Protein backbone atom coordinates (compact mmCIF):
# COMPACT_ATOMS: atom_id res chain seq x y z
CA MET A 1 -7.45 14.83 -16.80
CA ASP A 2 -6.63 12.64 -13.79
CA GLU A 3 -6.12 14.52 -10.52
CA ALA A 4 -3.47 12.18 -9.15
CA ARG A 5 -1.42 12.50 -12.34
CA ALA A 6 -1.85 16.26 -12.34
CA ARG A 7 -0.46 16.44 -8.80
CA GLU A 8 2.56 14.38 -9.85
CA VAL A 9 3.17 16.96 -12.59
CA LEU A 10 2.89 19.78 -10.04
CA ALA A 11 5.45 18.06 -7.83
CA SER A 12 7.84 17.59 -10.76
CA ALA A 13 7.48 21.28 -11.57
CA GLY A 14 8.27 22.23 -7.99
CA LEU A 15 4.81 23.69 -7.57
CA GLY A 16 3.62 21.39 -4.80
CA ALA A 17 1.36 18.36 -4.98
CA GLY A 18 -0.89 19.63 -2.22
CA ARG A 19 -4.14 18.04 -1.10
CA THR A 20 -6.76 16.16 -3.07
CA GLY A 21 -10.05 17.72 -4.03
CA SER A 22 -11.90 15.60 -1.46
CA GLU A 23 -9.61 16.87 1.32
CA THR A 24 -10.07 20.50 0.38
CA GLY A 25 -13.77 20.15 -0.22
CA THR A 26 -13.60 21.65 -3.69
CA GLY A 27 -14.21 18.44 -5.65
CA THR A 28 -13.88 18.37 -9.39
CA GLY A 29 -16.28 21.07 -10.47
CA SER A 30 -19.32 20.72 -12.69
CA GLU A 31 -19.92 19.94 -16.29
CA THR A 32 -18.15 21.81 -19.03
CA ASP A 33 -20.28 21.98 -22.13
CA ALA A 34 -18.99 19.98 -25.06
CA GLY A 35 -15.34 20.71 -24.41
CA MET A 36 -16.07 24.23 -25.62
CA GLY A 37 -14.47 25.57 -22.53
CA THR A 38 -11.63 23.44 -21.28
CA GLY A 39 -10.49 25.12 -18.14
CA SER A 40 -12.91 25.73 -15.34
CA GLY A 41 -15.79 23.32 -15.50
CA ILE A 42 -18.32 25.86 -14.21
CA PRO A 43 -21.97 25.05 -14.99
CA GLU A 44 -23.27 25.75 -18.46
CA THR A 45 -25.79 28.38 -17.41
CA GLY A 46 -23.05 30.69 -16.16
CA ALA A 47 -23.98 30.52 -12.48
CA ALA A 48 -21.19 31.29 -10.04
CA GLN A 49 -19.63 28.32 -8.30
CA PRO A 50 -18.21 28.80 -4.79
CA GLY A 51 -14.48 28.26 -4.55
CA VAL A 52 -13.85 28.75 -8.26
CA SER A 53 -15.01 32.23 -9.19
CA THR A 54 -12.82 33.78 -6.51
CA ALA A 55 -9.65 32.20 -7.83
CA ARG A 56 -9.93 32.23 -11.59
CA THR A 57 -6.88 32.52 -13.79
CA GLY A 58 -5.77 36.07 -14.41
CA THR A 59 -5.39 39.46 -12.83
CA ALA A 60 -7.22 42.75 -12.97
CA ARG A 61 -7.89 44.94 -16.01
CA THR A 62 -4.37 46.13 -16.67
CA GLY A 63 -0.87 44.71 -16.85
CA THR A 64 1.02 42.43 -19.22
CA ALA A 65 2.92 39.20 -19.02
CA GLY A 66 6.67 39.28 -18.50
CA THR A 67 9.32 38.43 -21.04
CA ALA A 68 11.67 36.16 -19.14
CA GLY A 69 11.83 32.40 -19.60
CA PRO A 70 9.81 30.21 -17.25
CA ALA A 71 12.58 29.54 -14.74
CA GLU A 72 13.81 33.13 -14.89
CA ALA A 73 10.28 34.46 -14.50
CA VAL A 74 9.89 33.08 -10.99
CA ALA A 75 13.37 34.14 -9.99
CA GLY A 76 12.78 37.58 -11.46
CA GLY A 77 9.93 38.47 -9.17
CA LEU A 78 6.78 37.10 -10.80
CA PRO A 79 4.36 35.53 -8.31
CA ALA A 80 5.37 32.00 -7.45
CA ALA A 81 3.69 29.18 -5.61
CA PRO A 82 4.99 29.24 -2.03
CA ALA A 83 7.37 26.39 -1.28
CA GLY A 84 5.42 23.54 0.24
CA ALA A 85 2.13 25.38 -0.09
CA PRO A 86 -0.83 23.12 -0.74
CA ALA A 87 -2.29 23.33 -4.24
CA GLU A 88 -6.07 23.45 -4.01
CA LEU A 89 -7.98 21.76 -6.82
CA LEU A 90 -10.43 24.20 -8.38
CA ALA A 91 -11.66 22.27 -11.41
CA LEU A 92 -11.01 19.03 -13.22
CA GLY A 93 -11.90 18.50 -16.86
CA GLU A 94 -9.76 18.70 -19.98
CA ASN A 95 -7.30 20.46 -17.67
CA ALA A 96 -6.67 20.26 -13.94
CA VAL A 97 -6.79 23.74 -12.42
CA PHE A 98 -5.19 24.46 -9.04
CA ALA A 99 -4.75 27.51 -6.82
CA SER A 100 -1.58 28.05 -4.83
CA GLY A 101 -0.70 31.33 -3.19
CA ASP A 102 -1.05 34.17 -5.70
CA LEU A 103 -1.10 31.78 -8.64
CA VAL A 104 -3.55 29.63 -10.50
CA ILE A 105 -1.88 26.67 -12.21
CA LYS A 106 -3.38 24.86 -15.19
CA VAL A 107 -2.08 21.36 -15.98
CA GLY A 108 -2.99 20.06 -19.43
CA ARG A 109 -3.28 16.51 -20.67
CA ASP A 110 -0.17 14.63 -21.81
CA ALA A 111 1.03 16.21 -25.04
CA THR A 112 3.62 13.55 -25.88
CA ARG A 113 1.46 12.05 -28.61
CA HIS A 114 -0.72 15.12 -28.98
CA PRO A 115 1.59 18.09 -29.68
CA GLU A 116 -1.45 20.21 -30.46
CA LEU A 117 -2.09 20.39 -26.70
CA LEU A 118 1.21 22.19 -26.14
CA ALA A 119 0.48 24.46 -29.10
CA ARG A 120 -2.91 25.26 -27.58
CA ALA A 121 -1.32 26.22 -24.27
CA GLU A 122 1.25 28.39 -26.06
CA ARG A 123 -1.53 30.09 -27.98
CA GLU A 124 -3.57 30.75 -24.84
CA VAL A 125 -0.64 32.55 -23.21
CA ALA A 126 -0.02 34.55 -26.40
CA ILE A 127 -3.69 35.51 -26.56
CA ALA A 128 -3.58 36.79 -22.98
CA ALA A 129 -0.60 39.03 -23.81
CA TRP A 130 -2.28 40.25 -27.02
CA LEU A 131 -5.51 41.13 -25.22
CA ALA A 132 -3.48 43.09 -22.66
CA GLU A 133 -1.86 45.07 -25.46
CA CYS A 134 -5.30 45.76 -26.95
CA GLY A 135 -6.70 46.94 -23.62
CA VAL A 136 -9.27 44.15 -23.31
CA PRO A 137 -9.86 43.15 -19.67
CA ALA A 138 -8.78 39.53 -19.55
CA VAL A 139 -6.72 37.01 -17.62
CA ARG A 140 -2.96 37.56 -17.48
CA ALA A 141 -0.32 34.87 -17.54
CA ALA A 142 2.37 34.89 -14.85
CA GLU A 143 4.92 33.41 -17.26
CA PRO A 144 5.36 34.19 -20.96
CA ALA A 145 5.28 30.57 -22.11
CA PRO A 146 4.03 27.19 -20.90
CA ARG A 147 6.30 24.81 -19.09
CA LEU A 148 6.43 21.27 -20.48
CA VAL A 149 6.61 19.03 -17.41
CA ASP A 150 6.71 15.25 -17.83
CA GLY A 151 5.01 15.71 -21.18
CA HIS A 152 2.23 17.94 -19.81
CA PRO A 153 1.84 21.65 -20.64
CA VAL A 154 1.66 23.71 -17.46
CA THR A 155 0.68 27.37 -17.47
CA LEU A 156 0.81 29.80 -14.56
CA TRP A 157 -1.64 32.68 -14.16
CA HIS A 158 -2.09 35.57 -11.78
CA ARG A 159 -4.85 34.81 -9.32
CA LEU A 160 -7.86 37.10 -9.49
CA PRO A 161 -9.20 38.96 -6.48
CA ALA A 162 -12.49 37.78 -5.02
CA ALA A 163 -15.55 38.35 -7.16
CA VAL A 164 -17.76 41.21 -6.03
CA ARG A 165 -20.81 39.62 -7.67
CA PRO A 166 -21.67 36.86 -10.14
CA ALA A 167 -21.13 37.70 -13.80
CA GLY A 168 -24.24 38.21 -15.88
CA PRO A 169 -25.15 38.16 -19.57
CA ARG A 170 -24.75 41.94 -19.86
CA ASP A 171 -21.15 41.72 -18.57
CA LEU A 172 -20.41 39.08 -21.18
CA ALA A 173 -21.98 41.10 -23.99
CA GLU A 174 -19.92 44.18 -23.18
CA LEU A 175 -16.69 42.15 -23.28
CA LEU A 176 -17.70 40.47 -26.53
CA ARG A 177 -18.24 43.87 -28.13
CA LEU A 178 -14.59 44.65 -27.34
CA VAL A 179 -13.32 41.31 -28.64
CA HIS A 180 -15.42 41.48 -31.80
CA ALA A 181 -14.03 44.92 -32.59
CA LEU A 182 -10.45 43.60 -32.65
CA PRO A 183 -8.48 42.96 -35.84
CA ALA A 184 -6.59 39.71 -36.28
CA PRO A 185 -3.66 39.23 -33.87
CA PRO A 186 -0.05 39.01 -35.12
CA PHE A 187 -0.21 35.21 -34.88
CA THR A 188 -2.52 32.63 -36.37
CA LEU A 189 -5.76 31.72 -34.65
CA PRO A 190 -7.48 28.45 -35.58
CA ARG A 191 -11.01 28.15 -36.90
CA ARG A 192 -13.70 27.42 -34.32
CA GLU A 193 -14.04 23.68 -34.80
CA LEU A 194 -17.16 22.90 -32.79
CA LEU A 195 -17.41 19.37 -34.12
CA GLY A 196 -13.74 18.41 -34.04
CA GLY A 197 -13.97 16.42 -30.80
CA VAL A 198 -17.10 14.42 -31.59
CA GLU A 199 -15.32 11.29 -32.84
CA ARG A 200 -12.93 11.16 -29.88
CA TRP A 201 -15.73 11.59 -27.34
CA LEU A 202 -17.88 8.90 -28.94
CA ARG A 203 -14.95 6.48 -29.00
CA LEU A 204 -14.34 7.14 -25.32
CA ALA A 205 -18.00 6.35 -24.65
CA GLY A 206 -17.53 2.93 -26.28
CA ASP A 207 -20.15 0.32 -25.48
CA ALA A 208 -21.71 2.43 -22.73
CA ILE A 209 -23.95 4.14 -25.26
CA ASP A 210 -26.29 2.71 -27.86
CA PRO A 211 -24.41 2.27 -31.18
CA ALA A 212 -27.46 3.71 -32.94
CA ASP A 213 -27.11 6.91 -30.92
CA ALA A 214 -23.42 7.14 -31.80
CA ALA A 215 -24.23 6.66 -35.49
CA TYR A 216 -26.96 9.29 -35.26
CA LEU A 217 -24.55 11.85 -33.79
CA ARG A 218 -21.91 11.09 -36.41
CA ALA A 219 -24.48 11.68 -39.13
CA ARG A 220 -25.55 14.96 -37.49
CA ARG A 221 -21.89 15.99 -37.23
CA ASP A 222 -21.32 15.44 -40.93
CA GLY A 223 -24.53 17.19 -41.91
CA PHE A 224 -23.95 20.26 -39.79
CA ALA A 225 -20.28 20.48 -40.81
CA ALA A 226 -21.36 20.69 -44.45
CA ALA A 227 -24.13 23.19 -43.67
CA ALA A 228 -21.81 25.40 -41.61
CA ALA A 229 -19.26 25.51 -44.44
CA ALA A 230 -21.92 27.04 -46.70
CA LEU A 231 -23.02 29.82 -44.31
CA THR A 232 -22.71 33.53 -45.04
CA PRO A 233 -22.14 35.52 -41.83
CA HIS A 234 -24.05 38.64 -40.88
CA LEU A 235 -21.12 40.09 -38.92
CA PRO A 236 -17.54 40.52 -40.18
CA PRO A 237 -15.52 37.40 -39.24
CA GLY A 238 -12.60 37.77 -36.85
CA PRO A 239 -11.44 36.89 -33.33
CA VAL A 240 -14.00 35.15 -31.13
CA HIS A 241 -13.82 33.83 -27.57
CA GLY A 242 -15.28 30.48 -28.55
CA ASP A 243 -17.01 29.64 -25.25
CA ALA A 244 -18.91 32.85 -24.60
CA LEU A 245 -20.88 32.30 -21.40
CA PRO A 246 -21.05 34.29 -18.15
CA ARG A 247 -19.13 31.46 -16.45
CA ASN A 248 -16.10 32.70 -18.39
CA VAL A 249 -16.38 36.22 -17.00
CA HIS A 250 -15.09 37.19 -13.56
CA VAL A 251 -16.35 40.41 -11.99
CA GLY A 252 -13.70 41.73 -9.62
CA PRO A 253 -13.26 45.12 -7.94
CA ASP A 254 -12.15 46.68 -11.25
CA GLY A 255 -15.00 45.26 -13.30
CA PRO A 256 -15.62 42.27 -15.60
CA VAL A 257 -12.64 40.27 -16.87
CA LEU A 258 -12.68 37.63 -19.60
CA VAL A 259 -11.27 34.24 -18.59
CA ASP A 260 -10.57 30.80 -20.11
CA LEU A 261 -8.97 31.75 -23.41
CA GLU A 262 -8.20 28.29 -24.82
CA THR A 263 -11.02 28.36 -27.33
CA PHE A 264 -10.13 31.76 -28.84
CA SER A 265 -10.47 31.43 -32.61
CA ALA A 266 -10.83 33.38 -35.85
CA ASP A 267 -14.23 32.64 -37.31
CA PHE A 268 -17.80 33.88 -37.54
CA ARG A 269 -18.55 36.25 -34.66
CA GLU A 270 -21.96 34.56 -34.55
CA HIS A 271 -20.32 31.58 -32.81
CA ASP A 272 -20.06 33.65 -29.64
CA LEU A 273 -23.68 34.76 -29.82
CA VAL A 274 -25.32 31.41 -30.53
CA VAL A 275 -24.02 30.10 -27.21
CA MET A 276 -26.33 32.37 -25.23
CA ALA A 277 -29.29 31.65 -27.49
CA LEU A 278 -28.77 27.95 -26.77
CA SER A 279 -28.48 28.72 -23.05
CA ARG A 280 -31.91 30.30 -23.20
CA ASP A 281 -33.52 27.35 -24.95
CA ARG A 282 -31.69 24.41 -23.38
CA TYR A 283 -30.20 25.45 -20.05
CA GLY A 284 -32.86 27.62 -18.48
CA LEU A 285 -31.47 31.10 -19.02
CA PRO A 286 -34.43 33.43 -18.26
CA ASP A 287 -35.83 35.47 -21.16
CA GLU A 288 -35.05 38.75 -19.42
CA GLN A 289 -31.39 37.81 -19.05
CA TYR A 290 -31.13 36.84 -22.69
CA ASP A 291 -32.80 40.13 -23.62
CA ALA A 292 -30.23 41.99 -21.49
CA PHE A 293 -27.46 40.21 -23.41
CA THR A 294 -28.81 41.13 -26.85
CA GLU A 295 -29.53 44.70 -25.76
CA ALA A 296 -25.98 45.19 -24.49
CA TYR A 297 -24.44 43.57 -27.57
CA GLY A 298 -26.72 45.38 -29.99
CA TRP A 299 -28.03 42.47 -32.06
CA ASP A 300 -29.90 39.18 -31.62
CA VAL A 301 -28.25 36.31 -33.50
CA ARG A 302 -31.63 34.58 -33.83
CA GLU A 303 -32.40 37.09 -36.58
CA TRP A 304 -29.68 35.45 -38.71
CA ASP A 305 -30.61 32.64 -41.09
CA GLY A 306 -27.55 30.63 -40.06
CA CYS A 307 -28.37 30.56 -36.35
CA ALA A 308 -30.06 27.17 -36.49
CA VAL A 309 -27.01 25.62 -38.17
CA LEU A 310 -24.49 26.78 -35.56
CA ARG A 311 -26.91 25.90 -32.79
CA GLY A 312 -27.37 22.38 -34.22
CA ALA A 313 -23.62 21.90 -34.46
CA ARG A 314 -23.15 22.96 -30.85
CA GLU A 315 -25.96 20.68 -29.65
CA THR A 316 -24.37 17.76 -31.48
CA ALA A 317 -20.99 18.42 -29.90
CA SER A 318 -22.56 18.81 -26.46
CA CYS A 319 -24.24 15.40 -26.69
CA ALA A 320 -21.00 13.74 -27.76
CA TRP A 321 -19.10 15.44 -24.95
CA VAL A 322 -21.50 14.04 -22.37
CA ALA A 323 -21.17 10.59 -23.92
CA GLN A 324 -17.51 10.27 -22.97
CA HIS A 325 -18.49 10.34 -19.28
CA ALA A 326 -21.15 7.63 -19.63
CA PRO A 327 -18.90 4.60 -18.90
CA ALA A 328 -18.17 5.78 -15.34
CA ASN A 329 -21.11 8.03 -14.53
CA PRO A 330 -24.72 6.78 -14.63
CA LYS A 331 -26.02 10.36 -14.39
CA ALA A 332 -24.04 11.27 -17.49
CA LEU A 333 -25.54 8.31 -19.33
CA ASP A 334 -29.06 9.41 -18.35
CA GLU A 335 -28.36 12.96 -19.49
CA PHE A 336 -26.86 11.72 -22.75
CA ARG A 337 -30.00 9.73 -23.48
CA ARG A 338 -32.18 12.73 -22.64
CA ARG A 339 -30.27 14.97 -25.01
CA VAL A 340 -30.19 12.54 -27.90
CA ALA A 341 -33.90 11.83 -27.51
CA SER A 342 -34.69 15.55 -27.67
CA LEU A 343 -32.67 15.87 -30.88
CA ARG A 344 -34.34 12.84 -32.44
CA ASP A 345 -37.76 14.26 -31.50
CA GLY A 346 -36.88 17.63 -32.98
CA ASP A 347 -37.83 19.41 -29.74
CA PRO A 348 -35.61 22.50 -29.40
CA GLU A 349 -36.74 23.42 -25.90
CA VAL A 350 -36.28 20.22 -23.86
CA ARG A 351 -34.22 21.29 -20.87
CA TRP A 352 -30.67 19.93 -20.63
CA TYR A 353 -28.89 19.65 -17.27
CA PRO A 354 -25.39 19.37 -15.82
CA PHE A 355 -24.72 16.04 -14.15
């Protein structure tokens, strides 16, 4: 998502173009792993990032979204961006995320030729309302539906209070236990398509990456897609967060809150657990923190025969996601090469890094 374009959309929506990330000092955030989380861009290991964790999308544990239309919602007393208030860039990735007053505003990519992006934004708002009804501490939308502004979906969220501490693996595990106990919502959730973006990301990489590496990742994608389709889960399938890392938990005065709901899906619950196992092996999560996660959740996904398949699929997607940044970012190209080499060598513990 381009920041300048996102600010034009904010202006068209009457939400204020504000200052650029370089002027506010917030920049564009850090890497988001494999497009598996599309909102915040906080580092893969779940470490807190100054300027983002204190203004995540949502509100405290309780409360529900309103029922008025977007224009009526602001007029009816929902928090609104102050007129002329600068919108501070918090993160820039698949979405541009801004803070303004009591709101956090998420601007999605142009949905004119990709209507699924509007559907995704609609689903994220519906998920927030459903989690509120179920009593799961999670972000809360400030309007009951996205706005479509100049072709871009725009969603407004209540701004969270300042974090009292960084979120940890135990906080995440406790929230996942709540989510994994839920039945299906009254609307359709998609499957968790880990590998769905691989082709698009490799095409965006173009000639910046070795064609042999692109072919290797496409072959891995196809192999793991077939292997995943044949898996038998250990846990009952159902709603999953889809990007289950501590970076997507905000610990405010009332306790941990789940954030970044775009990847919510209906699939194997093991998807949410493999993420932390991969964090331990690839991103430097200490053993004791991983042990705290499995203790709080009550089960270690590494005991499941299918763990290696979901892990391999996620690694493949992560490499392809990094590839799309290679044409403009030499550090991304170096990291892409490191990751692909570790996969080719069959070394499951080579450390991977943000860039």
